[in-house]
């Protein structure tokens, strides 16, 4: 249901929401922690910065961070920034005319599923996703990855 870009964005922004303070996070750190191709993630994060969901800063001390509190960014905001959510309104069977008046065989089912899906996206915040991840055993912790990187580079 999501594009690859939206999936990566939700994963990355969830980790940013789990990061304490206003730390700038490098794309490479996120990509390594989440096992996402760094160049693809960079393009996704740049798009989200242009759309106002992230702030970006160049340089060694730069990176990305959420532009708003995690409580005020919904999963729908993230998906809408990258995908055409109008596609959710198209006929699941590809019919050119499909609506309540002229329906395909799956119209009623798809309409119900679509409405619930969109509602969940609109009411689920990055804070919700981050809190859920915090409760999962062995979930990625970007803060731990960053600490490892700092130790590794300070030893040299």
Protein backbone atom coordinates (compact mmCIF):
# COMPACT_ATOMS: atom_id res chain seq x y z
CA UNK A 1 0.00 0.00 0.00
CA UNK A 2 2.98 2.29 0.49
CA UNK A 3 5.67 3.15 -1.97
CA UNK A 4 9.23 2.18 -1.04
CA UNK A 5 9.91 5.88 -0.40
CA UNK A 6 7.05 6.14 2.11
CA UNK A 7 8.11 2.96 3.89
CA UNK A 8 11.69 4.23 4.25
CA UNK A 9 10.43 7.65 5.34
CA UNK A 10 8.19 6.22 8.05
CA UNK A 11 11.03 4.06 9.35
CA UNK A 12 13.54 6.93 9.30
CA UNK A 13 11.21 9.52 10.84
CA UNK A 14 10.22 7.06 13.55
CA UNK A 15 13.90 6.80 14.48
CA UNK A 16 14.27 10.58 14.39
CA UNK A 17 11.30 10.80 16.75
CA UNK A 18 13.12 8.39 19.10
CA UNK A 19 16.25 10.55 19.12
CA UNK A 20 16.54 12.66 22.25
CA UNK A 21 16.82 16.42 21.97
CA UNK A 22 17.33 18.40 18.80
CA UNK A 23 20.29 16.39 17.54
CA UNK A 24 21.10 16.51 13.85
CA UNK A 25 21.26 13.01 12.42
CA UNK A 26 23.34 12.17 9.37
CA UNK A 27 21.69 10.29 6.53
CA UNK A 28 24.41 7.66 6.68
CA UNK A 29 23.68 6.98 10.34
CA UNK A 30 20.01 6.43 9.63
CA UNK A 31 20.72 4.34 6.54
CA UNK A 32 23.15 2.10 8.44
CA UNK A 33 20.86 1.68 11.43
CA UNK A 34 17.84 0.87 9.28
CA UNK A 35 19.64 -1.05 6.52
CA UNK A 36 18.38 1.33 3.83
CA UNK A 37 20.40 2.40 0.75
CA UNK A 38 21.96 5.72 1.74
CA UNK A 39 21.51 7.52 -1.61
CA UNK A 40 17.85 6.57 -1.85
CA UNK A 41 17.23 7.63 1.75
CA UNK A 42 19.02 10.94 1.11
CA UNK A 43 16.62 11.74 -1.72
CA UNK A 44 13.61 10.82 0.43
CA UNK A 45 14.81 12.95 3.35
CA UNK A 46 15.54 15.91 1.06
CA UNK A 47 12.00 15.70 -0.31
CA UNK A 48 10.61 15.66 3.23
CA UNK A 49 12.74 18.69 4.11
CA UNK A 50 11.40 20.57 1.07
CA UNK A 51 7.86 19.68 2.18
CA UNK A 52 8.49 21.05 5.69
CA UNK A 53 8.51 17.82 7.70
CA UNK A 54 12.26 17.88 8.31
CA UNK A 55 14.92 20.50 8.82
CA UNK A 56 18.28 19.96 7.17
CA UNK A 57 21.73 21.35 7.79
CA UNK A 58 24.83 20.76 5.69
CA UNK A 59 28.22 19.83 7.00
CA UNK A 60 29.87 17.44 9.44
CA UNK A 61 27.68 18.64 12.31
CA UNK A 62 24.64 18.72 10.06
CA UNK A 63 22.04 16.22 9.03
CA UNK A 64 18.31 16.05 9.51
CA UNK A 65 15.86 16.45 12.35
CA UNK A 66 12.10 16.74 12.67
CA UNK A 67 10.80 20.21 11.83
CA UNK A 68 7.91 19.82 14.30
CA UNK A 69 7.32 17.81 17.46
CA UNK A 70 6.73 14.10 16.78
CA UNK A 71 3.24 14.47 18.27
CA UNK A 72 2.19 16.83 15.50
CA UNK A 73 3.38 14.85 12.46
CA UNK A 74 1.09 12.04 11.36
CA UNK A 75 1.84 8.99 9.25
CA UNK A 76 -0.58 10.49 6.72
CA UNK A 77 1.55 13.66 6.53
CA UNK A 78 4.60 11.55 5.70
CA UNK A 79 2.86 9.39 3.10
CA UNK A 80 1.11 12.39 1.53
CA UNK A 81 4.47 14.16 1.14
CA UNK A 82 5.80 11.31 -0.99
CA UNK A 83 2.86 9.49 -2.57
CA UNK A 84 -0.24 10.43 -4.47
CA UNK A 85 -2.85 9.59 -1.84
CA UNK A 86 -5.54 10.21 -4.45
CA UNK A 87 -4.53 6.80 -5.81
CA UNK A 88 -6.28 5.33 -2.77
CA UNK A 89 -9.51 6.64 -4.24
CA UNK A 90 -9.14 4.87 -7.57
CA UNK A 91 -10.97 1.67 -8.37
CA UNK A 92 -9.17 -1.38 -7.01
CA UNK A 93 -10.20 -3.31 -10.12
CA UNK A 94 -9.04 -0.58 -12.50
CA UNK A 95 -12.49 0.44 -13.73
CA UNK A 96 -12.64 3.95 -15.17
CA UNK A 97 -16.15 4.46 -13.77
CA UNK A 98 -16.49 3.26 -10.22
CA UNK A 99 -18.39 4.93 -7.44
CA UNK A 100 -21.38 4.52 -5.21
CA UNK A 101 -23.71 4.85 -8.22
CA UNK A 102 -21.74 2.69 -10.67
CA UNK A 103 -19.74 0.22 -8.60
CA UNK A 104 -17.31 -2.56 -9.41
CA UNK A 105 -17.72 -5.84 -7.51
CA UNK A 106 -15.17 -4.78 -4.86
CA UNK A 107 -16.23 -1.13 -4.50
CA UNK A 108 -18.03 -1.43 -1.19
CA UNK A 109 -15.26 -3.52 0.41
CA UNK A 110 -12.44 -1.32 -0.92
CA UNK A 111 -14.20 1.89 0.12
CA UNK A 112 -14.55 0.60 3.67
CA UNK A 113 -10.95 -0.61 3.87
CA UNK A 114 -9.63 2.62 2.31
CA UNK A 115 -11.56 4.84 4.73
CA UNK A 116 -10.31 2.91 7.77
CA UNK A 117 -6.75 2.88 6.43
CA UNK A 118 -6.70 6.64 5.83
CA UNK A 119 -8.25 7.29 9.26
CA UNK A 120 -5.52 5.25 10.98
CA UNK A 121 -2.81 7.10 9.05
CA UNK A 122 -4.37 10.45 9.97
CA UNK A 123 -4.59 9.62 13.67
CA UNK A 124 -1.21 7.88 14.12
CA UNK A 125 1.63 10.27 14.94
CA UNK A 126 5.37 9.77 14.77
CA UNK A 127 5.29 9.83 18.58
CA UNK A 128 2.91 6.85 18.51
CA UNK A 129 5.25 4.97 16.17
CA UNK A 130 8.31 5.86 18.26
CA UNK A 131 6.62 4.76 21.50
CA UNK A 132 5.63 1.48 19.88
CA UNK A 133 9.22 0.90 18.70
CA UNK A 134 10.55 1.69 22.17
CA UNK A 135 8.54 -1.23 23.54
CA UNK A 136 9.77 -3.74 20.96
CA UNK A 137 12.65 -5.95 22.03
CA UNK A 138 15.73 -5.59 19.84
CA UNK A 139 14.33 -2.64 17.90
CA UNK A 140 16.88 -0.36 16.27
CA UNK A 141 18.05 2.41 18.53
CA UNK A 142 19.70 5.15 16.56
CA UNK A 143 21.08 6.65 19.76
CA UNK A 144 22.94 3.40 20.46
CA UNK A 145 24.27 3.30 16.91
CA UNK A 146 25.47 6.90 17.21
CA UNK A 147 27.20 6.14 20.53
CA UNK A 148 28.97 3.20 18.89
CA UNK A 149 30.11 5.40 16.01
CA UNK A 150 31.38 8.09 18.37
CA UNK A 151 33.35 5.52 20.37
CA UNK A 152 34.76 3.94 17.23
CA UNK A 153 35.94 7.27 15.81
CA UNK A 154 37.24 8.63 19.10
CA UNK A 155 39.44 5.52 19.55
CA UNK A 156 41.41 6.39 16.41
